[in-house]
Amino acid sequence: MSKRSVTFHGGTASVRKSRRVRFCGARDIYCWHTIRPGEEYVRSVMFPNHDASVYDVPVVHVTCAGCALNYIYLDQLDVSPRRTNRIEDA
């Protein structure tokens, strides 16, 4: 059974399909992937009640499909890899 969303202590994560250009937020592992329209990505939200949060508002983090495998809890999601049928890849 594939998982499209996961809930963990202090936050949630879900797989979404991009409708606009986004940038992967996994800069700590040097990912410079541009998430293009039609590609799947993981959107994580950490709520203010989380122990690690110092903010009074929810924090949203966007991660490309490849980088999601490197994070705890996000590796449980069923996210498809980067599309390869774009014009510039042909």
PDB file of N, CA and C in Angstrom:
ATOM      1  N   MET A   1       0.840  -1.183   0.000  1.00  0.00           N
ATOM      2  CA  MET A   1       0.000   0.000   0.000  1.00  0.00           C
ATOM      3  C   MET A   1       0.884   1.245   0.000  1.00  0.00           C
ATOM      4  N   SER A   2       0.611   2.156  -0.853  1.00  0.00           N
ATOM      5  CA  SER A   2       1.432   3.362  -0.962  1.00  0.00           C
ATOM      6  C   SER A   2       0.898   4.456  -0.043  1.00  0.00           C
ATOM      7  N   LYS A   3       1.829   5.209   0.507  1.00  0.00           N
ATOM      8  CA  LYS A   3       1.462   6.298   1.398  1.00  0.00           C
ATOM      9  C   LYS A   3       1.686   7.620   0.668  1.00  0.00           C
ATOM     10  N   ARG A   4       0.681   8.467   0.694  1.00  0.00           N
ATOM     11  CA  ARG A   4       0.785   9.780   0.066  1.00  0.00           C
ATOM     12  C   ARG A   4       0.884  10.889   1.113  1.00  0.00           C
ATOM     13  N   SER A   5       0.697  10.533   2.402  1.00  0.00           N
ATOM     14  CA  SER A   5       0.867  11.510   3.473  1.00  0.00           C
ATOM     15  C   SER A   5       1.283  10.784   4.746  1.00  0.00           C
ATOM     16  N   VAL A   6       1.957  11.501   5.618  1.00  0.00           N
ATOM     17  CA  VAL A   6       2.419  10.937   6.881  1.00  0.00           C
ATOM     18  C   VAL A   6       2.321  12.021   7.947  1.00  0.00           C
ATOM     19  N   THR A   7       1.968  11.610   9.157  1.00  0.00           N
ATOM     20  CA  THR A   7       1.900  12.527  10.284  1.00  0.00           C
ATOM     21  C   THR A   7       2.953  12.102  11.288  1.00  0.00           C
ATOM     22  N   PHE A   8       3.714  13.050  11.794  1.00  0.00           N
ATOM     23  CA  PHE A   8       4.731  12.759  12.794  1.00  0.00           C
ATOM     24  C   PHE A   8       4.630  13.797  13.903  1.00  0.00           C
ATOM     25  N   HIS A   9       5.391  13.616  14.957  1.00  0.00           N
ATOM     26  CA  HIS A   9       5.318  14.510  16.112  1.00  0.00           C
ATOM     27  C   HIS A   9       5.577  15.954  15.694  1.00  0.00           C
ATOM     28  N   GLY A  10       4.563  16.764  15.778  1.00  0.00           N
ATOM     29  CA  GLY A  10       4.724  18.185  15.494  1.00  0.00           C
ATOM     30  C   GLY A  10       4.558  18.585  14.047  1.00  0.00           C
ATOM     31  N   GLY A  11       4.198  17.650  13.160  1.00  0.00           N
ATOM     32  CA  GLY A  11       4.065  18.060  11.770  1.00  0.00           C
ATOM     33  C   GLY A  11       3.418  17.024  10.876  1.00  0.00           C
ATOM     34  N   THR A  12       3.277  17.400   9.616  1.00  0.00           N
ATOM     35  CA  THR A  12       2.736  16.508   8.596  1.00  0.00           C
ATOM     36  C   THR A  12       3.554  16.658   7.331  1.00  0.00           C
ATOM     37  N   ALA A  13       3.463  15.663   6.469  1.00  0.00           N
ATOM     38  CA  ALA A  13       4.114  15.726   5.163  1.00  0.00           C
ATOM     39  C   ALA A  13       3.203  15.052   4.153  1.00  0.00           C
ATOM     40  N   SER A  14       3.149  15.595   2.948  1.00  0.00           N
ATOM     41  CA  SER A  14       2.309  15.008   1.914  1.00  0.00           C
ATOM     42  C   SER A  14       2.975  15.168   0.555  1.00  0.00           C
ATOM     43  N   VAL A  15       2.639  14.234  -0.335  1.00  0.00           N
ATOM     44  CA  VAL A  15       3.141  14.275  -1.710  1.00  0.00           C
ATOM     45  C   VAL A  15       2.184  15.118  -2.524  1.00  0.00           C
ATOM     46  N   ARG A  16       2.747  16.040  -3.280  1.00  0.00           N
ATOM     47  CA  ARG A  16       1.929  16.917  -4.127  1.00  0.00           C
ATOM     48  C   ARG A  16       2.521  16.983  -5.525  1.00  0.00           C
ATOM     49  N   LYS A  17       1.692  17.408  -6.465  1.00  0.00           N
ATOM     50  CA  LYS A  17       2.150  17.612  -7.843  1.00  0.00           C
ATOM     51  C   LYS A  17       2.251  19.112  -8.072  1.00  0.00           C
ATOM     52  N   SER A  18       3.415  19.556  -8.506  1.00  0.00           N
ATOM     53  CA  SER A  18       3.675  20.983  -8.662  1.00  0.00           C
ATOM     54  C   SER A  18       2.907  21.567  -9.843  1.00  0.00           C
ATOM     55  N   ARG A  19       2.363  22.758  -9.631  1.00  0.00           N
ATOM     56  CA  ARG A  19       1.706  23.491 -10.712  1.00  0.00           C
ATOM     57  C   ARG A  19       2.538  24.673 -11.164  1.00  0.00           C
ATOM     58  N   ARG A  20       3.656  24.917 -10.477  1.00  0.00           N
ATOM     59  CA  ARG A  20       4.552  26.011 -10.839  1.00  0.00           C
ATOM     60  C   ARG A  20       5.980  25.605 -10.509  1.00  0.00           C
ATOM     61  N   VAL A  21       6.930  26.389 -10.918  1.00  0.00           N
ATOM     62  CA  VAL A  21       8.334  26.108 -10.640  1.00  0.00           C
ATOM     63  C   VAL A  21       8.605  26.355  -9.158  1.00  0.00           C
ATOM     64  N   ARG A  22       9.279  25.402  -8.526  1.00  0.00           N
ATOM     65  CA  ARG A  22       9.672  25.508  -7.120  1.00  0.00           C
ATOM     66  C   ARG A  22      11.135  25.096  -7.014  1.00  0.00           C
ATOM     67  N   PHE A  23      11.741  25.406  -5.891  1.00  0.00           N
ATOM     68  CA  PHE A  23      13.116  25.016  -5.652  1.00  0.00           C
ATOM     69  C   PHE A  23      13.175  24.096  -4.447  1.00  0.00           C
ATOM     70  N   CYS A  24      13.979  23.053  -4.531  1.00  0.00           N
ATOM     71  CA  CYS A  24      14.121  22.101  -3.439  1.00  0.00           C
ATOM     72  C   CYS A  24      14.741  22.804  -2.244  1.00  0.00           C
ATOM     73  N   GLY A  25      14.157  22.596  -1.075  1.00  0.00           N
ATOM     74  CA  GLY A  25      14.646  23.235   0.141  1.00  0.00           C
ATOM     75  C   GLY A  25      15.722  22.453   0.853  1.00  0.00           C
ATOM     76  N   ALA A  26      16.221  21.382   0.264  1.00  0.00           N
ATOM     77  CA  ALA A  26      17.247  20.550   0.901  1.00  0.00           C
ATOM     78  C   ALA A  26      18.630  21.099   0.606  1.00  0.00           C
ATOM     79  N   ARG A  27      18.870  22.319   0.944  1.00  0.00           N
ATOM     80  CA  ARG A  27      20.158  22.961   0.658  1.00  0.00           C
ATOM     81  C   ARG A  27      21.286  22.395   1.514  1.00  0.00           C
ATOM     82  N   ASP A  28      20.930  21.750   2.651  1.00  0.00           N
ATOM     83  CA  ASP A  28      21.970  21.195   3.509  1.00  0.00           C
ATOM     84  C   ASP A  28      22.687  20.005   2.877  1.00  0.00           C
ATOM     85  N   ILE A  29      22.074  19.365   1.876  1.00  0.00           N
ATOM     86  CA  ILE A  29      22.745  18.281   1.169  1.00  0.00           C
ATOM     87  C   ILE A  29      23.069  18.695  -0.266  1.00  0.00           C
ATOM     88  N   TYR A  30      23.095  19.993  -0.512  1.00  0.00           N
ATOM     89  CA  TYR A  30      23.524  20.584  -1.779  1.00  0.00           C
ATOM     90  C   TYR A  30      22.691  20.136  -2.971  1.00  0.00           C
ATOM     91  N   CYS A  31      21.390  20.104  -2.801  1.00  0.00           N
ATOM     92  CA  CYS A  31      20.495  19.812  -3.911  1.00  0.00           C
ATOM     93  C   CYS A  31      20.089  21.133  -4.550  1.00  0.00           C
ATOM     94  N   TRP A  32      20.312  21.278  -5.818  1.00  0.00           N
ATOM     95  CA  TRP A  32      19.934  22.500  -6.533  1.00  0.00           C
ATOM     96  C   TRP A  32      18.861  22.186  -7.561  1.00  0.00           C
ATOM     97  N   HIS A  33      18.057  21.151  -7.278  1.00  0.00           N
ATOM     98  CA  HIS A  33      17.003  20.705  -8.194  1.00  0.00           C
ATOM     99  C   HIS A  33      15.894  21.749  -8.297  1.00  0.00           C
ATOM    100  N   THR A  34      15.483  22.012  -9.510  1.00  0.00           N
ATOM    101  CA  THR A  34      14.313  22.841  -9.773  1.00  0.00           C
ATOM    102  C   THR A  34      13.134  21.907  -9.996  1.00  0.00           C
ATOM    103  N   ILE A  35      12.110  22.043  -9.178  1.00  0.00           N
ATOM    104  CA  ILE A  35      10.909  21.224  -9.317  1.00  0.00           C
ATOM    105  C   ILE A  35      10.017  21.898 -10.353  1.00  0.00           C
ATOM    106  N   ARG A  36       9.795  21.226 -11.455  1.00  0.00           N
ATOM    107  CA  ARG A  36       9.035  21.798 -12.572  1.00  0.00           C
ATOM    108  C   ARG A  36       7.562  21.411 -12.488  1.00  0.00           C
ATOM    109  N   PRO A  37       6.703  22.163 -13.172  1.00  0.00           N
ATOM    110  CA  PRO A  37       5.278  21.813 -13.189  1.00  0.00           C
ATOM    111  C   PRO A  37       5.064  20.374 -13.657  1.00  0.00           C
ATOM    112  N   GLY A  38       4.234  19.639 -12.939  1.00  0.00           N
ATOM    113  CA  GLY A  38       3.963  18.245 -13.263  1.00  0.00           C
ATOM    114  C   GLY A  38       4.784  17.255 -12.460  1.00  0.00           C
ATOM    115  N   GLU A  39       5.876  17.692 -11.849  1.00  0.00           N
ATOM    116  CA  GLU A  39       6.698  16.804 -11.036  1.00  0.00           C
ATOM    117  C   GLU A  39       6.134  16.712  -9.620  1.00  0.00           C
ATOM    118  N   GLU A  40       6.364  15.574  -8.983  1.00  0.00           N
ATOM    119  CA  GLU A  40       5.920  15.405  -7.609  1.00  0.00           C
ATOM    120  C   GLU A  40       6.992  15.894  -6.643  1.00  0.00           C
ATOM    121  N   TYR A  41       6.548  16.425  -5.508  1.00  0.00           N
ATOM    122  CA  TYR A  41       7.447  16.893  -4.458  1.00  0.00           C
ATOM    123  C   TYR A  41       6.789  16.624  -3.113  1.00  0.00           C
ATOM    124  N   VAL A  42       7.534  16.797  -2.041  1.00  0.00           N
ATOM    125  CA  VAL A  42       7.003  16.582  -0.700  1.00  0.00           C
ATOM    126  C   VAL A  42       6.915  17.926   0.008  1.00  0.00           C
ATOM    127  N   ARG A  43       5.737  18.219   0.537  1.00  0.00           N
ATOM    128  CA  ARG A  43       5.502  19.455   1.297  1.00  0.00           C
ATOM    129  C   ARG A  43       5.354  19.075   2.761  1.00  0.00           C
ATOM    130  N   SER A  44       6.272  19.573   3.597  1.00  0.00           N
ATOM    131  CA  SER A  44       6.250  19.296   5.030  1.00  0.00           C
ATOM    132  C   SER A  44       5.858  20.557   5.774  1.00  0.00           C
ATOM    133  N   VAL A  45       5.090  20.384   6.837  1.00  0.00           N
ATOM    134  CA  VAL A  45       4.689  21.503   7.680  1.00  0.00           C
ATOM    135  C   VAL A  45       5.032  21.152   9.125  1.00  0.00           C
ATOM    136  N   MET A  46       5.818  22.015   9.778  1.00  0.00           N
ATOM    137  CA  MET A  46       6.113  21.845  11.196  1.00  0.00           C
ATOM    138  C   MET A  46       5.309  22.886  11.966  1.00  0.00           C
ATOM    139  N   PHE A  47       4.513  22.417  12.898  1.00  0.00           N
ATOM    140  CA  PHE A  47       3.616  23.294  13.633  1.00  0.00           C
ATOM    141  C   PHE A  47       4.333  23.983  14.796  1.00  0.00           C
ATOM    142  N   PRO A  48       3.816  25.117  15.250  1.00  0.00           N
ATOM    143  CA  PRO A  48       4.478  25.876  16.321  1.00  0.00           C
ATOM    144  C   PRO A  48       4.623  25.115  17.640  1.00  0.00           C
ATOM    145  N   ASN A  49       3.815  24.085  17.880  1.00  0.00           N
ATOM    146  CA  ASN A  49       3.918  23.342  19.131  1.00  0.00           C
ATOM    147  C   ASN A  49       5.051  22.317  19.144  1.00  0.00           C
ATOM    148  N   HIS A  50       5.800  22.208  18.041  1.00  0.00           N
ATOM    149  CA  HIS A  50       6.909  21.259  17.952  1.00  0.00           C
ATOM    150  C   HIS A  50       8.073  21.727  18.819  1.00  0.00           C
ATOM    151  N   ASP A  51       8.769  20.784  19.437  1.00  0.00           N
ATOM    152  CA  ASP A  51       9.877  21.114  20.340  1.00  0.00           C
ATOM    153  C   ASP A  51      10.997  21.895  19.641  1.00  0.00           C
ATOM    154  N   ALA A  52      11.253  21.585  18.379  1.00  0.00           N
ATOM    155  CA  ALA A  52      12.351  22.223  17.656  1.00  0.00           C
ATOM    156  C   ALA A  52      11.959  23.566  17.029  1.00  0.00           C
ATOM    157  N   SER A  53      10.684  23.897  17.049  1.00  0.00           N
ATOM    158  CA  SER A  53      10.225  25.128  16.412  1.00  0.00           C
ATOM    159  C   SER A  53      10.383  26.315  17.355  1.00  0.00           C
ATOM    160  N   VAL A  54      10.989  27.375  16.836  1.00  0.00           N
ATOM    161  CA  VAL A  54      11.123  28.616  17.608  1.00  0.00           C
ATOM    162  C   VAL A  54      10.191  29.690  17.048  1.00  0.00           C
ATOM    163  N   TYR A  55       9.321  29.290  16.124  1.00  0.00           N
ATOM    164  CA  TYR A  55       8.433  30.237  15.459  1.00  0.00           C
ATOM    165  C   TYR A  55       7.021  30.144  16.025  1.00  0.00           C
ATOM    166  N   ASP A  56       6.259  31.214  15.850  1.00  0.00           N
ATOM    167  CA  ASP A  56       4.864  31.245  16.288  1.00  0.00           C
ATOM    168  C   ASP A  56       3.899  30.895  15.163  1.00  0.00           C
ATOM    169  N   VAL A  57       4.428  30.596  13.996  1.00  0.00           N
ATOM    170  CA  VAL A  57       3.612  30.244  12.833  1.00  0.00           C
ATOM    171  C   VAL A  57       4.119  28.914  12.269  1.00  0.00           C
ATOM    172  N   PRO A  58       3.296  28.192  11.520  1.00  0.00           N
ATOM    173  CA  PRO A  58       3.764  26.951  10.894  1.00  0.00           C
ATOM    174  C   PRO A  58       4.897  27.216   9.893  1.00  0.00           C
ATOM    175  N   VAL A  59       5.854  26.305   9.847  1.00  0.00           N
ATOM    176  CA  VAL A  59       6.991  26.394   8.932  1.00  0.00           C
ATOM    177  C   VAL A  59       6.782  25.374   7.822  1.00  0.00           C
ATOM    178  N   VAL A  60       6.816  25.833   6.569  1.00  0.00           N
ATOM    179  CA  VAL A  60       6.605  24.963   5.410  1.00  0.00           C
ATOM    180  C   VAL A  60       7.946  24.713   4.728  1.00  0.00           C
ATOM    181  N   HIS A  61       8.188  23.450   4.368  1.00  0.00           N
ATOM    182  CA  HIS A  61       9.438  23.040   3.743  1.00  0.00           C
ATOM    183  C   HIS A  61       9.104  22.218   2.506  1.00  0.00           C
ATOM    184  N   VAL A  62       9.686  22.549   1.363  1.00  0.00           N
ATOM    185  CA  VAL A  62       9.450  21.838   0.105  1.00  0.00           C
ATOM    186  C   VAL A  62      10.705  21.040  -0.251  1.00  0.00           C
ATOM    187  N   THR A  63      10.534  19.760  -0.565  1.00  0.00           N
ATOM    188  CA  THR A  63      11.639  18.877  -0.877  1.00  0.00           C
ATOM    189  C   THR A  63      11.352  18.122  -2.164  1.00  0.00           C
ATOM    190  N   CYS A  64      12.349  18.001  -3.035  1.00  0.00           N
ATOM    191  CA  CYS A  64      12.164  17.235  -4.264  1.00  0.00           C
ATOM    192  C   CYS A  64      12.070  15.747  -3.931  1.00  0.00           C
ATOM    193  N   ALA A  65      11.628  14.944  -4.879  1.00  0.00           N
ATOM    194  CA  ALA A  65      11.401  13.516  -4.657  1.00  0.00           C
ATOM    195  C   ALA A  65      12.685  12.797  -4.277  1.00  0.00           C
ATOM    196  N   GLY A  66      13.787  13.144  -4.873  1.00  0.00           N
ATOM    197  CA  GLY A  66      15.053  12.476  -4.572  1.00  0.00           C
ATOM    198  C   GLY A  66      15.561  12.771  -3.174  1.00  0.00           C
ATOM    199  N   CYS A  67      15.431  14.000  -2.726  1.00  0.00           N
ATOM    200  CA  CYS A  67      15.918  14.380  -1.400  1.00  0.00           C
ATOM    201  C   CYS A  67      15.015  13.883  -0.282  1.00  0.00           C
ATOM    202  N   ALA A  68      13.758  13.626  -0.577  1.00  0.00           N
ATOM    203  CA  ALA A  68      12.835  13.156   0.455  1.00  0.00           C
ATOM    204  C   ALA A  68      13.279  11.819   1.032  1.00  0.00           C
ATOM    205  N   LEU A  69      14.016  11.037   0.258  1.00  0.00           N
ATOM    206  CA  LEU A  69      14.487   9.741   0.735  1.00  0.00           C
ATOM    207  C   LEU A  69      15.556   9.875   1.809  1.00  0.00           C
ATOM    208  N   ASN A  70      16.163  11.048   1.952  1.00  0.00           N
ATOM    209  CA  ASN A  70      17.237  11.258   2.921  1.00  0.00           C
ATOM    210  C   ASN A  70      16.746  11.749   4.273  1.00  0.00           C
ATOM    211  N   TYR A  71      15.450  11.988   4.419  1.00  0.00           N
ATOM    212  CA  TYR A  71      14.897  12.517   5.660  1.00  0.00           C
ATOM    213  C   TYR A  71      14.057  11.465   6.363  1.00  0.00           C
ATOM    214  N   ILE A  72      14.138  11.431   7.689  1.00  0.00           N
ATOM    215  CA  ILE A  72      13.328  10.502   8.468  1.00  0.00           C
ATOM    216  C   ILE A  72      11.848  10.885   8.301  1.00  0.00           C
ATOM    217  N   TYR A  73      10.992   9.946   8.282  1.00  0.00           N
ATOM    218  CA  TYR A  73       9.549  10.046   8.047  1.00  0.00           C
ATOM    219  C   TYR A  73       9.219  10.293   6.573  1.00  0.00           C
ATOM    220  N   LEU A  74       9.985  11.110   5.887  1.00  0.00           N
ATOM    221  CA  LEU A  74       9.674  11.377   4.477  1.00  0.00           C
ATOM    222  C   LEU A  74      10.023  10.186   3.598  1.00  0.00           C
ATOM    223  N   ASP A  75      10.949   9.338   4.052  1.00  0.00           N
ATOM    224  CA  ASP A  75      11.307   8.160   3.268  1.00  0.00           C
ATOM    225  C   ASP A  75      10.192   7.115   3.242  1.00  0.00           C
ATOM    226  N   GLN A  76       9.147   7.298   4.050  1.00  0.00           N
ATOM    227  CA  GLN A  76       8.002   6.387   4.065  1.00  0.00           C
ATOM    228  C   GLN A  76       6.983   6.712   2.969  1.00  0.00           C
ATOM    229  N   LEU A  77       7.128   7.865   2.346  1.00  0.00           N
ATOM    230  CA  LEU A  77       6.158   8.302   1.341  1.00  0.00           C
ATOM    231  C   LEU A  77       6.439   7.670  -0.010  1.00  0.00           C
ATOM    232  N   ASP A  78       5.387   7.453  -0.775  1.00  0.00           N
ATOM    233  CA  ASP A  78       5.497   6.920  -2.125  1.00  0.00           C
ATOM    234  C   ASP A  78       5.486   8.098  -3.097  1.00  0.00           C
ATOM    235  N   VAL A  79       6.668   8.558  -3.454  1.00  0.00           N
ATOM    236  CA  VAL A  79       6.794   9.703  -4.359  1.00  0.00           C
ATOM    237  C   VAL A  79       7.546   9.251  -5.605  1.00  0.00           C
ATOM    238  N   SER A  80       7.031   9.631  -6.771  1.00  0.00           N
ATOM    239  CA  SER A  80       7.650   9.194  -8.019  1.00  0.00           C
ATOM    240  C   SER A  80       8.903  10.020  -8.304  1.00  0.00           C
ATOM    241  N   PRO A  81       9.872   9.430  -8.978  1.00  0.00           N
ATOM    242  CA  PRO A  81      11.090  10.161  -9.299  1.00  0.00           C
ATOM    243  C   PRO A  81      10.843  11.250 -10.331  1.00  0.00           C
ATOM    244  N   ARG A  82      11.862  12.031 -10.597  1.00  0.00           N
ATOM    245  CA  ARG A  82      11.788  13.143 -11.536  1.00  0.00           C
ATOM    246  C   ARG A  82      11.360  12.669 -12.919  1.00  0.00           C
ATOM    247  N   ARG A  83      10.461  13.426 -13.530  1.00  0.00           N
ATOM    248  CA  ARG A  83      10.029  13.108 -14.896  1.00  0.00           C
ATOM    249  C   ARG A  83      11.179  13.317 -15.856  1.00  0.00           C
ATOM    250  N   THR A  84      11.235  12.502 -16.895  1.00  0.00           N
ATOM    251  CA  THR A  84      12.309  12.635 -17.881  1.00  0.00           C
ATOM    252  C   THR A  84      11.777  12.890 -19.285  1.00  0.00           C
ATOM    253  N   ASN A  85      10.495  13.163 -19.425  1.00  0.00           N
ATOM    254  CA  ASN A  85       9.914  13.356 -20.753  1.00  0.00           C
ATOM    255  C   ASN A  85       9.700  14.826 -21.074  1.00  0.00           C
ATOM    256  N   ARG A  86      10.558  15.687 -20.542  1.00  0.00           N
ATOM    257  CA  ARG A  86      10.444  17.108 -20.860  1.00  0.00           C
ATOM    258  C   ARG A  86      11.156  17.405 -22.170  1.00  0.00           C
ATOM    259  N   ILE A  87      10.863  18.518 -22.757  1.00  0.00           N
ATOM    260  CA  ILE A  87      11.418  18.888 -24.067  1.00  0.00           C
ATOM    261  C   ILE A  87      12.938  18.968 -24.023  1.00  0.00           C
ATOM    262  N   GLU A  88      13.510  19.605 -22.973  1.00  0.00           N
ATOM    263  CA  GLU A  88      14.962  19.766 -22.937  1.00  0.00           C
ATOM    264  C   GLU A  88      15.684  18.451 -22.687  1.00  0.00           C
ATOM    265  N   ASP A  89      14.999  17.388 -22.209  1.00  0.00           N
ATOM    266  CA  ASP A  89      15.635  16.104 -22.010  1.00  0.00           C
ATOM    267  C   ASP A  89      15.579  15.241 -23.260  1.00  0.00           C
ATOM    268  N   ALA A  90      14.816  15.629 -24.252  1.00  0.00           N
ATOM    269  CA  ALA A  90      14.653  14.813 -25.450  1.00  0.00           C
ATOM    270  C   ALA A  90      15.861  14.912 -26.356  1.00  0.00           C
TER     271      ALA A  90
END
